[in-house]
């Protein structure tokens, strides 16, 4: 399965928009994500692999997969990490997002993270220079 960038961004935004510092599987379902779908599990695991999201210490993300491939969920606290906040901040920048969508369509998650950080840093430097020089 390939990373779907819009889905990934939407999922990060769902974490970011949590009412408190934590969210859970029920809240993500309420926001339109179906926790039983492979696309959800795939993208959540990718985000966890890169330490953008995490579950409460020791409980993981709260899911288990049975021998018949059925997924069962426990409602555990899930959070967007500091790096996750940085990643979604970068993706929410219009210039960064447009560049990623046009020039990095098939990029891996680590490439998306590296590129988005570099692009945001570049755009931020330009903005600061413009403010200083005006």
Foldseek 3Di string as FASTA:
>chain_A
DAQDVVVLLVQLVQQVPDPDQWDWPVSVVVVPDDPFDPNNVVSVVLCVVVPQKFFDPPCTRAWDADPVRGIDGDTTTMGGDPLNVVLSVLCPPPVLVVCCVPPVVRPRPVVNSVSSVVVVVVVVVVVVVVVVVD
